[in-house]
Amino acid sequence: MFGLIGSFTAVPGKRRELAAILLEGIGGMPGCRSYVVAEDPKDDDTLWITEVWDTPEAHRASLQLPSVKDAISRGRPLIHGFGEHREVRVLGGHGLSADA
């Protein structure tokens, strides 16, 4: 499994709005096992996104979906900056089956 862990800094005061956009329409992404958006409790403007995909190719293909393109277009003006970003090999975890 392929994973991404990263953070965004929202434009001040826009974190909730950005989170709402990132959470819309995430149910129809083939190959996506988990997509979690979380607020950073120590920084009022930071969001952490954790994703688990079957393969890197499934993630790349998701970027071509109309719903994802729309979310990127609407969310981009609300992003002040990008923080840490890591690609990881996911070994498993609660809610993730190894045989999907």
C-alpha atoms as a PDB file:
ATOM      1  CA  MET A   1       0.000   0.000   0.000  1.00  0.00           C
ATOM      2  CA  PHE A   2       1.070   3.554  -0.723  1.00  0.00           C
ATOM      3  CA  GLY A   3       0.627   6.388   1.746  1.00  0.00           C
ATOM      4  CA  LEU A   4       0.933  10.139   1.879  1.00  0.00           C
ATOM      5  CA  ILE A   5       1.204  12.256   4.998  1.00  0.00           C
ATOM      6  CA  GLY A   6       1.338  16.010   4.662  1.00  0.00           C
ATOM      7  CA  SER A   7       0.297  19.347   6.016  1.00  0.00           C
ATOM      8  CA  PHE A   8      -1.177  22.541   4.624  1.00  0.00           C
ATOM      9  CA  THR A   9      -1.234  25.943   6.237  1.00  0.00           C
ATOM     10  CA  ALA A  10      -4.506  27.658   5.445  1.00  0.00           C
ATOM     11  CA  VAL A  11      -4.957  31.367   4.909  1.00  0.00           C
ATOM     12  CA  PRO A  12      -5.570  32.719   8.442  1.00  0.00           C
ATOM     13  CA  GLY A  13      -9.159  32.074   9.477  1.00  0.00           C
ATOM     14  CA  LYS A  14      -9.879  29.735   6.539  1.00  0.00           C
ATOM     15  CA  ARG A  15      -8.841  26.347   7.966  1.00  0.00           C
ATOM     16  CA  ARG A  16     -12.398  25.043   8.489  1.00  0.00           C
ATOM     17  CA  GLU A  17     -13.432  26.155   4.999  1.00  0.00           C
ATOM     18  CA  LEU A  18     -10.398  24.428   3.470  1.00  0.00           C
ATOM     19  CA  ALA A  19     -11.068  21.258   5.494  1.00  0.00           C
ATOM     20  CA  ALA A  20     -14.678  21.186   4.293  1.00  0.00           C
ATOM     21  CA  ILE A  21     -13.546  21.364   0.670  1.00  0.00           C
ATOM     22  CA  LEU A  22     -10.982  18.595   1.183  1.00  0.00           C
ATOM     23  CA  LEU A  23     -13.633  16.360   2.753  1.00  0.00           C
ATOM     24  CA  GLU A  24     -16.259  16.780   0.011  1.00  0.00           C
ATOM     25  CA  GLY A  25     -16.715  13.959  -2.464  1.00  0.00           C
ATOM     26  CA  ILE A  26     -13.957  11.711  -1.160  1.00  0.00           C
ATOM     27  CA  GLY A  27     -16.050   8.546  -1.276  1.00  0.00           C
ATOM     28  CA  GLY A  28     -15.653   7.879  -4.991  1.00  0.00           C
ATOM     29  CA  MET A  29     -11.886   7.609  -5.350  1.00  0.00           C
ATOM     30  CA  PRO A  30     -10.965   4.149  -6.712  1.00  0.00           C
ATOM     31  CA  GLY A  31      -8.031   2.619  -4.880  1.00  0.00           C
ATOM     32  CA  CYS A  32      -8.330   4.939  -1.878  1.00  0.00           C
ATOM     33  CA  ARG A  33      -8.456   2.987   1.387  1.00  0.00           C
ATOM     34  CA  SER A  34      -8.271   5.931   3.763  1.00  0.00           C
ATOM     35  CA  TYR A  35      -8.346   9.724   3.493  1.00  0.00           C
ATOM     36  CA  VAL A  36      -8.199  11.621   6.772  1.00  0.00           C
ATOM     37  CA  VAL A  37      -8.225  15.396   7.255  1.00  0.00           C
ATOM     38  CA  ALA A  38      -7.258  16.568  10.746  1.00  0.00           C
ATOM     39  CA  GLU A  39      -6.807  19.909  12.477  1.00  0.00           C
ATOM     40  CA  ASP A  40      -3.506  20.572  14.203  1.00  0.00           C
ATOM     41  CA  PRO A  41      -4.391  21.429  17.820  1.00  0.00           C
ATOM     42  CA  LYS A  42      -1.206  23.506  18.221  1.00  0.00           C
ATOM     43  CA  ASP A  43      -1.659  25.671  15.115  1.00  0.00           C
ATOM     44  CA  ASP A  44      -4.990  27.278  14.244  1.00  0.00           C
ATOM     45  CA  ASP A  45      -4.191  27.362  10.523  1.00  0.00           C
ATOM     46  CA  THR A  46      -2.666  23.918   9.909  1.00  0.00           C
ATOM     47  CA  LEU A  47      -4.347  20.792   8.531  1.00  0.00           C
ATOM     48  CA  TRP A  48      -2.789  17.326   8.298  1.00  0.00           C
ATOM     49  CA  ILE A  49      -3.907  14.969   5.548  1.00  0.00           C
ATOM     50  CA  THR A  50      -3.186  11.232   5.756  1.00  0.00           C
ATOM     51  CA  GLU A  51      -3.962   9.066   2.737  1.00  0.00           C
ATOM     52  CA  VAL A  52      -3.680   5.330   2.047  1.00  0.00           C
ATOM     53  CA  TRP A  53      -3.923   4.067  -1.530  1.00  0.00           C
ATOM     54  CA  ASP A  54      -3.609   0.662  -3.164  1.00  0.00           C
ATOM     55  CA  THR A  55      -0.803   2.001  -5.386  1.00  0.00           C
ATOM     56  CA  PRO A  56       0.900   5.276  -6.312  1.00  0.00           C
ATOM     57  CA  GLU A  57      -0.840   4.993  -9.684  1.00  0.00           C
ATOM     58  CA  ALA A  58      -4.274   4.963  -8.016  1.00  0.00           C
ATOM     59  CA  HIS A  59      -3.366   8.195  -6.258  1.00  0.00           C
ATOM     60  CA  ARG A  60      -2.144   9.818  -9.490  1.00  0.00           C
ATOM     61  CA  ALA A  61      -5.317   8.715 -11.295  1.00  0.00           C
ATOM     62  CA  SER A  62      -7.461  10.313  -8.577  1.00  0.00           C
ATOM     63  CA  LEU A  63      -6.027  13.704  -9.483  1.00  0.00           C
ATOM     64  CA  GLN A  64      -7.862  13.449 -12.825  1.00  0.00           C
ATOM     65  CA  LEU A  65     -11.308  12.907 -11.272  1.00  0.00           C
ATOM     66  CA  PRO A  66     -13.660  15.867 -11.793  1.00  0.00           C
ATOM     67  CA  SER A  67     -14.509  16.037  -8.076  1.00  0.00           C
ATOM     68  CA  VAL A  68     -10.819  16.149  -7.111  1.00  0.00           C
ATOM     69  CA  LYS A  69      -9.994  18.743  -9.766  1.00  0.00           C
ATOM     70  CA  ASP A  70     -12.874  20.866  -8.465  1.00  0.00           C
ATOM     71  CA  ALA A  71     -11.693  20.549  -4.857  1.00  0.00           C
ATOM     72  CA  ILE A  72      -8.153  21.544  -5.864  1.00  0.00           C
ATOM     73  CA  SER A  73      -9.463  24.546  -7.784  1.00  0.00           C
ATOM     74  CA  ARG A  74     -11.651  25.745  -4.892  1.00  0.00           C
ATOM     75  CA  GLY A  75      -9.120  24.925  -2.178  1.00  0.00           C
ATOM     76  CA  ARG A  76      -5.990  26.401  -3.747  1.00  0.00           C
ATOM     77  CA  PRO A  77      -6.855  30.060  -2.897  1.00  0.00           C
ATOM     78  CA  LEU A  78      -7.323  29.033   0.764  1.00  0.00           C
ATOM     79  CA  ILE A  79      -3.835  27.507   1.068  1.00  0.00           C
ATOM     80  CA  HIS A  80      -1.196  29.833   2.474  1.00  0.00           C
ATOM     81  CA  GLY A  81       1.594  27.276   2.310  1.00  0.00           C
ATOM     82  CA  PHE A  82       2.651  23.658   2.273  1.00  0.00           C
ATOM     83  CA  GLY A  83       4.328  21.999   5.232  1.00  0.00           C
ATOM     84  CA  GLU A  84       5.819  18.568   5.566  1.00  0.00           C
ATOM     85  CA  HIS A  85       5.098  15.939   2.914  1.00  0.00           C
ATOM     86  CA  ARG A  86       6.080  12.290   3.036  1.00  0.00           C
ATOM     87  CA  GLU A  87       5.426   9.274   0.847  1.00  0.00           C
ATOM     88  CA  VAL A  88       5.342   6.086   2.906  1.00  0.00           C
ATOM     89  CA  ARG A  89       4.901   2.321   2.508  1.00  0.00           C
ATOM     90  CA  VAL A  90       1.840   1.396   4.530  1.00  0.00           C
ATOM     91  CA  LEU A  91       2.181  -1.927   6.339  1.00  0.00           C
ATOM     92  CA  GLY A  92      -1.367  -2.053   7.688  1.00  0.00           C
ATOM     93  CA  GLY A  93      -3.513  -0.706  10.450  1.00  0.00           C
ATOM     94  CA  HIS A  94      -6.980  -0.734  11.956  1.00  0.00           C
ATOM     95  CA  GLY A  95      -9.528  -0.623   9.139  1.00  0.00           C
ATOM     96  CA  LEU A  96      -6.996  -1.459   6.441  1.00  0.00           C
ATOM     97  CA  SER A  97      -7.010  -4.974   5.042  1.00  0.00           C
ATOM     98  CA  ALA A  98      -3.828  -6.184   3.382  1.00  0.00           C
ATOM     99  CA  ASP A  99      -5.669  -8.102   0.649  1.00  0.00           C
ATOM    100  CA  ALA A 100      -7.835  -5.457  -1.035  1.00  0.00           C
END
